[in-house]
Amino acid sequence: RIEASLLTDCKAISHGFFTRRGGVSCDVYESLNAGRGSD
């Protein structure tokens, strides 16, 4: 994930702009595909 400093500075919040890395999907979906609407 990528975090924004404005939100990271607040200890009461957890957040993330997740990339496509760190998952189990293959082919065009490699690897952290979170789209239920995909095939």
Full PDB file with SEQRES, HELIX, SHEET, SSBOND, CRYST1, ORIGX, SCALE, CONECT and MASTER records, all heavy atoms in Angstrom:
SEQRES   1 A   39  ARG ILE GLU ALA SER LEU LEU THR ASP CYS LYS ALA ILE          
SEQRES   2 A   39  SER HIS GLY PHE PHE THR ARG ARG GLY GLY VAL SER CYS          
SEQRES   3 A   39  ASP VAL TYR GLU SER LEU ASN ALA GLY ARG GLY SER ASP          
HELIX    1 AA1 SER A    5  THR A    8  1                                   4    
HELIX    2 AA2 ASP A   27  TYR A   29  5                                   3    
CRYST1    1.000    1.000    1.000  90.00  90.00  90.00 P 1           1          
ORIGX1      1.000000  0.000000  0.000000        0.00000                         
ORIGX2      0.000000  1.000000  0.000000        0.00000                         
ORIGX3      0.000000  0.000000  1.000000        0.00000                         
SCALE1      1.000000  0.000000  0.000000        0.00000                         
SCALE2      0.000000  1.000000  0.000000        0.00000                         
SCALE3      0.000000  0.000000  1.000000        0.00000                         
ATOM      1  N   ARG A   1       0.827  -1.204   0.000  1.00  0.00           N  
ATOM      2  CA  ARG A   1       0.000   0.000   0.000  1.00  0.00           C  
ATOM      3  C   ARG A   1       0.859   1.251   0.000  1.00  0.00           C  
ATOM      4  O   ARG A   1       2.022   1.241   0.430  1.00  0.00           O  
ATOM      5  CB  ARG A   1      -0.927   0.029   1.211  1.00  0.00           C  
ATOM      6  CG  ARG A   1      -0.213   0.051   2.561  1.00  0.00           C  
ATOM      7  CD  ARG A   1      -1.197   0.197   3.708  1.00  0.00           C  
ATOM      8  NE  ARG A   1      -0.606  -0.188   4.985  1.00  0.00           N  
ATOM      9  CZ  ARG A   1      -1.185  -0.005   6.169  1.00  0.00           C  
ATOM     10  NH1 ARG A   1      -2.371   0.557   6.238  1.00  0.00           N  
ATOM     11  NH2 ARG A   1      -0.591  -0.397   7.277  1.00  0.00           N  
ATOM     12  N   ILE A   2       0.256   2.330  -0.460  1.00  0.00           N  
ATOM     13  CA  ILE A   2       0.853   3.661  -0.409  1.00  0.00           C  
ATOM     14  C   ILE A   2       0.021   4.471   0.574  1.00  0.00           C  
ATOM     15  O   ILE A   2      -1.213   4.399   0.570  1.00  0.00           O  
ATOM     16  CB  ILE A   2       0.831   4.329  -1.797  1.00  0.00           C  
ATOM     17  CG1 ILE A   2       1.610   3.483  -2.804  1.00  0.00           C  
ATOM     18  CG2 ILE A   2       1.388   5.740  -1.736  1.00  0.00           C  
ATOM     19  CD1 ILE A   2       1.403   3.906  -4.239  1.00  0.00           C  
ATOM     20  N   GLU A   3       0.683   5.225   1.421  1.00  0.00           N  
ATOM     21  CA  GLU A   3      -0.026   6.033   2.415  1.00  0.00           C  
ATOM     22  C   GLU A   3       0.214   7.517   2.173  1.00  0.00           C  
ATOM     23  O   GLU A   3       1.262   7.921   1.672  1.00  0.00           O  
ATOM     24  CB  GLU A   3       0.418   5.642   3.821  1.00  0.00           C  
ATOM     25  CG  GLU A   3       0.068   4.205   4.183  1.00  0.00           C  
ATOM     26  CD  GLU A   3       0.601   3.795   5.543  1.00  0.00           C  
ATOM     27  OE1 GLU A   3       1.759   3.353   5.607  1.00  0.00           O  
ATOM     28  OE2 GLU A   3      -0.141   3.931   6.538  1.00  0.00           O  
ATOM     29  N   ALA A   4      -0.771   8.307   2.553  1.00  0.00           N  
ATOM     30  CA  ALA A   4      -0.683   9.762   2.454  1.00  0.00           C  
ATOM     31  C   ALA A   4      -0.242  10.326   3.790  1.00  0.00           C  
ATOM     32  O   ALA A   4      -0.741   9.904   4.839  1.00  0.00           O  
ATOM     33  CB  ALA A   4      -2.033  10.350   2.055  1.00  0.00           C  
ATOM     34  N   SER A   5       0.677  11.262   3.765  1.00  0.00           N  
ATOM     35  CA  SER A   5       1.225  11.785   5.024  1.00  0.00           C  
ATOM     36  C   SER A   5       0.160  12.468   5.873  1.00  0.00           C  
ATOM     37  O   SER A   5       0.179  12.353   7.105  1.00  0.00           O  
ATOM     38  CB  SER A   5       2.379  12.750   4.731  1.00  0.00           C  
ATOM     39  OG  SER A   5       1.944  13.840   3.942  1.00  0.00           O  
ATOM     40  N   LEU A   6      -0.785  13.159   5.267  1.00  0.00           N  
ATOM     41  CA  LEU A   6      -1.819  13.848   6.041  1.00  0.00           C  
ATOM     42  C   LEU A   6      -2.658  12.870   6.852  1.00  0.00           C  
ATOM     43  O   LEU A   6      -3.091  13.179   7.959  1.00  0.00           O  
ATOM     44  CB  LEU A   6      -2.734  14.653   5.119  1.00  0.00           C  
ATOM     45  CG  LEU A   6      -2.199  15.990   4.592  1.00  0.00           C  
ATOM     46  CD1 LEU A   6      -3.234  16.643   3.666  1.00  0.00           C  
ATOM     47  CD2 LEU A   6      -1.860  16.943   5.734  1.00  0.00           C  
ATOM     48  N   LEU A   7      -2.905  11.678   6.304  1.00  0.00           N  
ATOM     49  CA  LEU A   7      -3.679  10.676   7.020  1.00  0.00           C  
ATOM     50  C   LEU A   7      -2.809   9.833   7.939  1.00  0.00           C  
ATOM     51  O   LEU A   7      -3.254   9.405   9.007  1.00  0.00           O  
ATOM     52  CB  LEU A   7      -4.416   9.773   6.022  1.00  0.00           C  
ATOM     53  CG  LEU A   7      -5.464  10.472   5.141  1.00  0.00           C  
ATOM     54  CD1 LEU A   7      -6.058   9.484   4.149  1.00  0.00           C  
ATOM     55  CD2 LEU A   7      -6.557  11.114   5.983  1.00  0.00           C  
ATOM     56  N   THR A   8      -1.568   9.599   7.543  1.00  0.00           N  
ATOM     57  CA  THR A   8      -0.652   8.825   8.382  1.00  0.00           C  
ATOM     58  C   THR A   8      -0.354   9.545   9.685  1.00  0.00           C  
ATOM     59  O   THR A   8      -0.149   8.914  10.728  1.00  0.00           O  
ATOM     60  CB  THR A   8       0.668   8.562   7.624  1.00  0.00           C  
ATOM     61  OG1 THR A   8       0.378   7.892   6.404  1.00  0.00           O  
ATOM     62  CG2 THR A   8       1.609   7.692   8.450  1.00  0.00           C  
ATOM     63  N   ASP A   9      -0.350  10.875   9.648  1.00  0.00           N  
ATOM     64  CA  ASP A   9      -0.074  11.661  10.849  1.00  0.00           C  
ATOM     65  C   ASP A   9      -1.141  11.488  11.918  1.00  0.00           C  
ATOM     66  O   ASP A   9      -0.898  11.790  13.091  1.00  0.00           O  
ATOM     67  CB  ASP A   9       0.055  13.140  10.490  1.00  0.00           C  
ATOM     68  CG  ASP A   9       1.330  13.445   9.710  1.00  0.00           C  
ATOM     69  OD1 ASP A   9       2.234  12.589   9.715  1.00  0.00           O  
ATOM     70  OD2 ASP A   9       1.409  14.519   9.092  1.00  0.00           O  
ATOM     71  N   CYS A  10      -2.318  11.027  11.514  1.00  0.00           N  
ATOM     72  CA  CYS A  10      -3.397  10.811  12.480  1.00  0.00           C  
ATOM     73  C   CYS A  10      -3.355   9.366  12.959  1.00  0.00           C  
ATOM     74  O   CYS A  10      -3.645   8.435  12.198  1.00  0.00           O  
ATOM     75  CB  CYS A  10      -4.756  11.118  11.844  1.00  0.00           C  
ATOM     76  SG  CYS A  10      -6.123  10.839  12.990  1.00  0.00           S  
ATOM     77  N   LYS A  11      -3.011   9.158  14.225  1.00  0.00           N  
ATOM     78  CA  LYS A  11      -2.851   7.806  14.765  1.00  0.00           C  
ATOM     79  C   LYS A  11      -4.170   7.058  14.895  1.00  0.00           C  
ATOM     80  O   LYS A  11      -4.180   5.831  15.054  1.00  0.00           O  
ATOM     81  CB  LYS A  11      -2.159   7.869  16.124  1.00  0.00           C  
ATOM     82  CG  LYS A  11      -0.803   8.571  16.092  1.00  0.00           C  
ATOM     83  CD  LYS A  11       0.133   7.932  15.081  1.00  0.00           C  
ATOM     84  CE  LYS A  11       1.493   8.626  15.067  1.00  0.00           C  
ATOM     85  NZ  LYS A  11       2.377   8.089  14.003  1.00  0.00           N  
ATOM     86  N   ALA A  12      -5.305   7.767  14.814  1.00  0.00           N  
ATOM     87  CA  ALA A  12      -6.607   7.123  14.952  1.00  0.00           C  
ATOM     88  C   ALA A  12      -7.074   6.483  13.655  1.00  0.00           C  
ATOM     89  O   ALA A  12      -8.125   5.841  13.624  1.00  0.00           O  
ATOM     90  CB  ALA A  12      -7.644   8.134  15.431  1.00  0.00           C  
ATOM     91  N   ILE A  13      -6.293   6.647  12.586  1.00  0.00           N  
ATOM     92  CA  ILE A  13      -6.723   6.200  11.262  1.00  0.00           C  
ATOM     93  C   ILE A  13      -5.720   5.213  10.673  1.00  0.00           C  
ATOM     94  O   ILE A  13      -4.512   5.401  10.771  1.00  0.00           O  
ATOM     95  CB  ILE A  13      -6.888   7.406  10.318  1.00  0.00           C  
ATOM     96  CG1 ILE A  13      -8.095   8.249  10.748  1.00  0.00           C  
ATOM     97  CG2 ILE A  13      -7.053   6.967   8.864  1.00  0.00           C  
ATOM     98  CD1 ILE A  13      -8.215   9.549  10.007  1.00  0.00           C  
ATOM     99  N   SER A  14      -6.243   4.158  10.042  1.00  0.00           N  
ATOM    100  CA  SER A  14      -5.448   3.258   9.214  1.00  0.00           C  
ATOM    101  C   SER A  14      -5.982   3.392   7.794  1.00  0.00           C  
ATOM    102  O   SER A  14      -7.201   3.447   7.588  1.00  0.00           O  
ATOM    103  CB  SER A  14      -5.585   1.815   9.689  1.00  0.00           C  
ATOM    104  OG  SER A  14      -4.885   0.921   8.830  1.00  0.00           O  
ATOM    105  N   HIS A  15      -5.096   3.485   6.819  1.00  0.00           N  
ATOM    106  CA  HIS A  15      -5.564   3.657   5.443  1.00  0.00           C  
ATOM    107  C   HIS A  15      -4.537   3.092   4.474  1.00  0.00           C  
ATOM    108  O   HIS A  15      -3.409   2.767   4.857  1.00  0.00           O  
ATOM    109  CB  HIS A  15      -5.802   5.142   5.137  1.00  0.00           C  
ATOM    110  CG  HIS A  15      -4.542   5.901   4.865  1.00  0.00           C  
ATOM    111  ND1 HIS A  15      -3.649   6.259   5.867  1.00  0.00           N  
ATOM    112  CD2 HIS A  15      -4.003   6.357   3.701  1.00  0.00           C  
ATOM    113  CE1 HIS A  15      -2.631   6.901   5.332  1.00  0.00           C  
ATOM    114  NE2 HIS A  15      -2.806   6.972   4.015  1.00  0.00           N  
ATOM    115  N   GLY A  16      -4.914   3.003   3.231  1.00  0.00           N  
ATOM    116  CA  GLY A  16      -3.977   2.575   2.208  1.00  0.00           C  
ATOM    117  C   GLY A  16      -4.556   2.714   0.820  1.00  0.00           C  
ATOM    118  O   GLY A  16      -5.737   2.425   0.593  1.00  0.00           O  
ATOM    119  N   PHE A  17      -3.721   3.207  -0.089  1.00  0.00           N  
ATOM    120  CA  PHE A  17      -4.002   3.123  -1.519  1.00  0.00           C  
ATOM    121  C   PHE A  17      -3.217   1.904  -1.986  1.00  0.00           C  
ATOM    122  O   PHE A  17      -1.996   1.971  -2.178  1.00  0.00           O  
ATOM    123  CB  PHE A  17      -3.548   4.390  -2.237  1.00  0.00           C  
ATOM    124  CG  PHE A  17      -4.285   5.639  -1.808  1.00  0.00           C  
ATOM    125  CD1 PHE A  17      -3.706   6.523  -0.902  1.00  0.00           C  
ATOM    126  CD2 PHE A  17      -5.545   5.915  -2.309  1.00  0.00           C  
ATOM    127  CE1 PHE A  17      -4.381   7.663  -0.506  1.00  0.00           C  
ATOM    128  CE2 PHE A  17      -6.223   7.062  -1.908  1.00  0.00           C  
ATOM    129  CZ  PHE A  17      -5.652   7.937  -1.008  1.00  0.00           C  
ATOM    130  N   PHE A  18      -3.892   0.779  -2.123  1.00  0.00           N  
ATOM    131  CA  PHE A  18      -3.202  -0.470  -2.399  1.00  0.00           C  
ATOM    132  C   PHE A  18      -2.811  -0.557  -3.872  1.00  0.00           C  
ATOM    133  O   PHE A  18      -3.559  -0.149  -4.759  1.00  0.00           O  
ATOM    134  CB  PHE A  18      -4.065  -1.654  -1.978  1.00  0.00           C  
ATOM    135  CG  PHE A  18      -4.146  -1.794  -0.482  1.00  0.00           C  
ATOM    136  CD1 PHE A  18      -5.104  -1.094   0.241  1.00  0.00           C  
ATOM    137  CD2 PHE A  18      -3.240  -2.584   0.203  1.00  0.00           C  
ATOM    138  CE1 PHE A  18      -5.168  -1.190   1.627  1.00  0.00           C  
ATOM    139  CE2 PHE A  18      -3.289  -2.689   1.588  1.00  0.00           C  
ATOM    140  CZ  PHE A  18      -4.252  -1.983   2.302  1.00  0.00           C  
ATOM    141  N   THR A  19      -1.625  -1.080  -4.119  1.00  0.00           N  
ATOM    142  CA  THR A  19      -1.120  -1.251  -5.473  1.00  0.00           C  
ATOM    143  C   THR A  19      -1.591  -2.608  -6.008  1.00  0.00           C  
ATOM    144  O   THR A  19      -2.448  -3.250  -5.419  1.00  0.00           O  
ATOM    145  CB  THR A  19       0.409  -1.185  -5.502  1.00  0.00           C  
ATOM    146  OG1 THR A  19       0.950  -2.398  -4.945  1.00  0.00           O  
ATOM    147  CG2 THR A  19       0.931   0.005  -4.702  1.00  0.00           C  
ATOM    148  N   ARG A  20      -1.003  -3.055  -7.103  1.00  0.00           N  
ATOM    149  CA  ARG A  20      -1.335  -4.370  -7.642  1.00  0.00           C  
ATOM    150  C   ARG A  20      -0.397  -5.454  -7.115  1.00  0.00           C  
ATOM    151  O   ARG A  20      -0.430  -6.597  -7.582  1.00  0.00           O  
ATOM    152  CB  ARG A  20      -1.302  -4.345  -9.170  1.00  0.00           C  
ATOM    153  CG  ARG A  20       0.075  -4.090  -9.765  1.00  0.00           C  
ATOM    154  CD  ARG A  20       0.013  -4.019 -11.289  1.00  0.00           C  
ATOM    155  NE  ARG A  20      -0.417  -5.290 -11.882  1.00  0.00           N  
ATOM    156  CZ  ARG A  20      -0.701  -5.446 -13.171  1.00  0.00           C  
ATOM    157  NH1 ARG A  20      -0.624  -4.419 -14.004  1.00  0.00           N  
ATOM    158  NH2 ARG A  20      -1.067  -6.626 -13.634  1.00  0.00           N  
ATOM    159  N   ARG A  21       0.441  -5.135  -6.141  1.00  0.00           N  
ATOM    160  CA  ARG A  21       1.439  -6.072  -5.628  1.00  0.00           C  
ATOM    161  C   ARG A  21       1.026  -6.684  -4.287  1.00  0.00           C  
ATOM    162  O   ARG A  21       0.434  -6.013  -3.453  1.00  0.00           O  
ATOM    163  CB  ARG A  21       2.774  -5.362  -5.458  1.00  0.00           C  
ATOM    164  CG  ARG A  21       3.372  -4.835  -6.763  1.00  0.00           C  
ATOM    165  CD  ARG A  21       4.658  -4.104  -6.519  1.00  0.00           C  
ATOM    166  NE  ARG A  21       5.345  -3.732  -7.753  1.00  0.00           N  
ATOM    167  CZ  ARG A  21       6.501  -3.084  -7.794  1.00  0.00           C  
ATOM    168  NH1 ARG A  21       7.120  -2.750  -6.682  1.00  0.00           N  
ATOM    169  NH2 ARG A  21       7.042  -2.786  -8.961  1.00  0.00           N  
ATOM    170  N   GLY A  22       1.373  -7.972  -4.140  1.00  0.00           N  
ATOM    171  CA  GLY A  22       1.164  -8.634  -2.859  1.00  0.00           C  
ATOM    172  C   GLY A  22      -0.036  -9.552  -2.819  1.00  0.00           C  
ATOM    173  O   GLY A  22      -0.483  -9.936  -1.735  1.00  0.00           O  
ATOM    174  N   GLY A  23      -0.556  -9.937  -4.005  1.00  0.00           N  
ATOM    175  CA  GLY A  23      -1.718 -10.806  -4.033  1.00  0.00           C  
ATOM    176  C   GLY A  23      -1.444 -12.143  -4.700  1.00  0.00           C  
ATOM    177  O   GLY A  23      -0.294 -12.525  -4.898  1.00  0.00           O  
ATOM    178  N   VAL A  24      -2.513 -12.838  -5.076  1.00  0.00           N  
ATOM    179  CA  VAL A  24      -2.392 -14.197  -5.603  1.00  0.00           C  
ATOM    180  C   VAL A  24      -2.929 -14.348  -7.023  1.00  0.00           C  
ATOM    181  O   VAL A  24      -2.852 -15.443  -7.592  1.00  0.00           O  
ATOM    182  CB  VAL A  24      -3.119 -15.199  -4.675  1.00  0.00           C  
ATOM    183  CG1 VAL A  24      -2.500 -15.186  -3.291  1.00  0.00           C  
ATOM    184  CG2 VAL A  24      -4.625 -14.914  -4.614  1.00  0.00           C  
ATOM    185  N   SER A  25      -3.481 -13.302  -7.607  1.00  0.00           N  
ATOM    186  CA  SER A  25      -4.069 -13.413  -8.942  1.00  0.00           C  
ATOM    187  C   SER A  25      -2.994 -13.584 -10.014  1.00  0.00           C  
ATOM    188  O   SER A  25      -1.833 -13.191  -9.816  1.00  0.00           O  
ATOM    189  CB  SER A  25      -4.928 -12.179  -9.256  1.00  0.00           C  
ATOM    190  OG  SER A  25      -6.048 -12.116  -8.393  1.00  0.00           O  
ATOM    191  N   CYS A  26      -3.401 -14.136 -11.155  1.00  0.00           N  
ATOM    192  CA  CYS A  26      -2.461 -14.443 -12.246  1.00  0.00           C  
ATOM    193  C   CYS A  26      -2.855 -13.720 -13.528  1.00  0.00           C  
ATOM    194  O   CYS A  26      -3.902 -13.092 -13.612  1.00  0.00           O  
ATOM    195  CB  CYS A  26      -2.421 -15.951 -12.500  1.00  0.00           C  
ATOM    196  SG  CYS A  26      -1.969 -16.944 -11.070  1.00  0.00           S  
ATOM    197  N   ASP A  27      -1.966 -13.830 -14.518  1.00  0.00           N  
ATOM    198  CA  ASP A  27      -2.192 -13.298 -15.859  1.00  0.00           C  
ATOM    199  C   ASP A  27      -2.410 -11.784 -15.813  1.00  0.00           C  
ATOM    200  O   ASP A  27      -1.679 -11.096 -15.112  1.00  0.00           O  
ATOM    201  CB  ASP A  27      -3.360 -14.033 -16.534  1.00  0.00           C  
ATOM    202  CG  ASP A  27      -3.103 -15.532 -16.649  1.00  0.00           C  
ATOM    203  OD1 ASP A  27      -1.944 -15.915 -16.904  1.00  0.00           O  
ATOM    204  OD2 ASP A  27      -4.053 -16.308 -16.455  1.00  0.00           O  
ATOM    205  N   VAL A  28      -3.414 -11.277 -16.524  1.00  0.00           N  
ATOM    206  CA  VAL A  28      -3.608  -9.825 -16.584  1.00  0.00           C  
ATOM    207  C   VAL A  28      -3.991  -9.247 -15.227  1.00  0.00           C  
ATOM    208  O   VAL A  28      -3.922  -8.031 -15.016  1.00  0.00           O  
ATOM    209  CB  VAL A  28      -4.679  -9.435 -17.631  1.00  0.00           C  
ATOM    210  CG1 VAL A  28      -4.245  -9.830 -19.025  1.00  0.00           C  
ATOM    211  CG2 VAL A  28      -6.034 -10.045 -17.285  1.00  0.00           C  
ATOM    212  N   TYR A  29      -4.389 -10.114 -14.291  1.00  0.00           N  
ATOM    213  CA  TYR A  29      -4.818  -9.649 -12.970  1.00  0.00           C  
ATOM    214  C   TYR A  29      -3.683  -9.626 -11.948  1.00  0.00           C  
ATOM    215  O   TYR A  29      -3.914  -9.264 -10.790  1.00  0.00           O  
ATOM    216  CB  TYR A  29      -5.936 -10.557 -12.445  1.00  0.00           C  
ATOM    217  CG  TYR A  29      -7.078 -10.729 -13.407  1.00  0.00           C  
ATOM    218  CD1 TYR A  29      -7.285 -11.935 -14.062  1.00  0.00           C  
ATOM    219  CD2 TYR A  29      -7.946  -9.679 -13.675  1.00  0.00           C  
ATOM    220  CE1 TYR A  29      -8.333 -12.102 -14.949  1.00  0.00           C  
ATOM    221  CE2 TYR A  29      -8.998  -9.823 -14.563  1.00  0.00           C  
ATOM    222  CZ  TYR A  29      -9.191 -11.040 -15.201  1.00  0.00           C  
ATOM    223  OH  TYR A  29     -10.223 -11.195 -16.080  1.00  0.00           O  
ATOM    224  N   GLU A  30      -2.493 -10.013 -12.341  1.00  0.00           N  
ATOM    225  CA  GLU A  30      -1.376 -10.112 -11.398  1.00  0.00           C  
ATOM    226  C   GLU A  30      -1.174  -8.779 -10.662  1.00  0.00           C  
ATOM    227  O   GLU A  30      -1.017  -7.740 -11.285  1.00  0.00           O  
ATOM    228  CB  GLU A  30      -0.110 -10.486 -12.158  1.00  0.00           C  
ATOM    229  CG  GLU A  30       1.063 -10.770 -11.261  1.00  0.00           C  
ATOM    230  CD  GLU A  30       2.337 -11.089 -12.043  1.00  0.00           C  
ATOM    231  OE1 GLU A  30       2.294 -11.112 -13.294  1.00  0.00           O  
ATOM    232  OE2 GLU A  30       3.370 -11.295 -11.401  1.00  0.00           O  
ATOM    233  N   SER A  31      -1.184  -8.768  -9.304  1.00  0.00           N  
ATOM    234  CA  SER A  31      -1.435  -9.921  -8.464  1.00  0.00           C  
ATOM    235  C   SER A  31      -2.476  -9.602  -7.389  1.00  0.00           C  
ATOM    236  O   SER A  31      -3.183 -10.490  -6.924  1.00  0.00           O  
ATOM    237  CB  SER A  31      -0.121 -10.380  -7.820  1.00  0.00           C  
ATOM    238  OG  SER A  31       0.347  -9.486  -6.836  1.00  0.00           O  
ATOM    239  N   LEU A  32      -2.623  -8.339  -6.974  1.00  0.00           N  
ATOM    240  CA  LEU A  32      -3.553  -7.979  -5.886  1.00  0.00           C  
ATOM    241  C   LEU A  32      -4.856  -7.397  -6.452  1.00  0.00           C  
ATOM    242  O   LEU A  32      -5.292  -6.318  -6.063  1.00  0.00           O  
ATOM    243  CB  LEU A  32      -2.889  -6.995  -4.917  1.00  0.00           C  
ATOM    244  CG  LEU A  32      -3.607  -6.740  -3.585  1.00  0.00           C  
ATOM    245  CD1 LEU A  32      -3.601  -7.991  -2.710  1.00  0.00           C  
ATOM    246  CD2 LEU A  32      -2.970  -5.568  -2.840  1.00  0.00           C  
ATOM    247  N   ASN A  33      -5.467  -8.102  -7.378  1.00  0.00           N  
ATOM    248  CA  ASN A  33      -6.722  -7.635  -7.959  1.00  0.00           C  
ATOM    249  C   ASN A  33      -7.848  -7.727  -6.939  1.00  0.00           C  
ATOM    250  O   ASN A  33      -8.146  -8.799  -6.427  1.00  0.00           O  
ATOM    251  CB  ASN A  33      -7.071  -8.465  -9.198  1.00  0.00           C  
ATOM    252  CG  ASN A  33      -8.440  -8.126  -9.755  1.00  0.00           C  
ATOM    253  OD1 ASN A  33      -8.877  -6.975  -9.714  1.00  0.00           O  
ATOM    254  ND2 ASN A  33      -9.120  -9.135 -10.283  1.00  0.00           N  
ATOM    255  N   ALA A  34      -8.502  -6.587  -6.655  1.00  0.00           N  
ATOM    256  CA  ALA A  34      -9.590  -6.550  -5.674  1.00  0.00           C  
ATOM    257  C   ALA A  34     -10.944  -6.334  -6.330  1.00  0.00           C  
ATOM    258  O   ALA A  34     -11.928  -6.063  -5.646  1.00  0.00           O  
ATOM    259  CB  ALA A  34      -9.331  -5.432  -4.656  1.00  0.00           C  
ATOM    260  N   GLY A  35     -10.989  -6.455  -7.662  1.00  0.00           N  
ATOM    261  CA  GLY A  35     -12.215  -6.156  -8.392  1.00  0.00           C  
ATOM    262  C   GLY A  35     -13.158  -7.339  -8.515  1.00  0.00           C  
ATOM    263  O   GLY A  35     -12.912  -8.264  -9.289  1.00  0.00           O  
ATOM    264  N   ARG A  36     -14.261  -7.300  -7.780  1.00  0.00           N  
ATOM    265  CA  ARG A  36     -15.270  -8.350  -7.892  1.00  0.00           C  
ATOM    266  C   ARG A  36     -15.931  -8.343  -9.271  1.00  0.00           C  
ATOM    267  O   ARG A  36     -16.477  -9.351  -9.704  1.00  0.00           O  
ATOM    268  CB  ARG A  36     -16.330  -8.166  -6.804  1.00  0.00           C  
ATOM    269  CG  ARG A  36     -15.841  -8.498  -5.405  1.00  0.00           C  
ATOM    270  CD  ARG A  36     -16.895  -8.155  -4.383  1.00  0.00           C  
ATOM    271  NE  ARG A  36     -16.569  -8.654  -3.053  1.00  0.00           N  
ATOM    272  CZ  ARG A  36     -17.221  -8.301  -1.945  1.00  0.00           C  
ATOM    273  NH1 ARG A  36     -18.226  -7.440  -2.023  1.00  0.00           N  
ATOM    274  NH2 ARG A  36     -16.863  -8.792  -0.773  1.00  0.00           N  
ATOM    275  N   GLY A  37     -15.898  -7.214  -9.947  1.00  0.00           N  
ATOM    276  CA  GLY A  37     -16.511  -7.106 -11.252  1.00  0.00           C  
ATOM    277  C   GLY A  37     -15.638  -7.610 -12.381  1.00  0.00           C  
ATOM    278  O   GLY A  37     -16.064  -7.615 -13.539  1.00  0.00           O  
ATOM    279  N   SER A  38     -14.433  -8.041 -12.087  1.00  0.00           N  
ATOM    280  CA  SER A  38     -13.546  -8.589 -13.116  1.00  0.00           C  
ATOM    281  C   SER A  38     -13.868 -10.061 -13.345  1.00  0.00           C  
ATOM    282  O   SER A  38     -14.633 -10.673 -12.602  1.00  0.00           O  
ATOM    283  CB  SER A  38     -12.080  -8.437 -12.691  1.00  0.00           C  
ATOM    284  OG  SER A  38     -11.781  -9.314 -11.620  1.00  0.00           O  
ATOM    285  N   ASP A  39     -13.246 -10.624 -14.372  1.00  0.00           N  
ATOM    286  CA  ASP A  39     -13.430 -12.051 -14.663  1.00  0.00           C  
ATOM    287  C   ASP A  39     -12.360 -12.910 -13.993  1.00  0.00           C  
ATOM    288  O   ASP A  39     -12.167 -14.074 -14.353  1.00  0.00           O  
ATOM    289  CB  ASP A  39     -13.409 -12.282 -16.173  1.00  0.00           C  
ATOM    290  CG  ASP A  39     -14.636 -11.696 -16.859  1.00  0.00           C  
ATOM    291  OD1 ASP A  39     -15.707 -11.641 -16.215  1.00  0.00           O  
ATOM    292  OD2 ASP A  39     -14.520 -11.273 -18.028  1.00  0.00           O  
TER     293      ASP A  39                                                      
MASTER        0    0    0    2    0    0    0    6  292    1    0    3          
END                                                                             
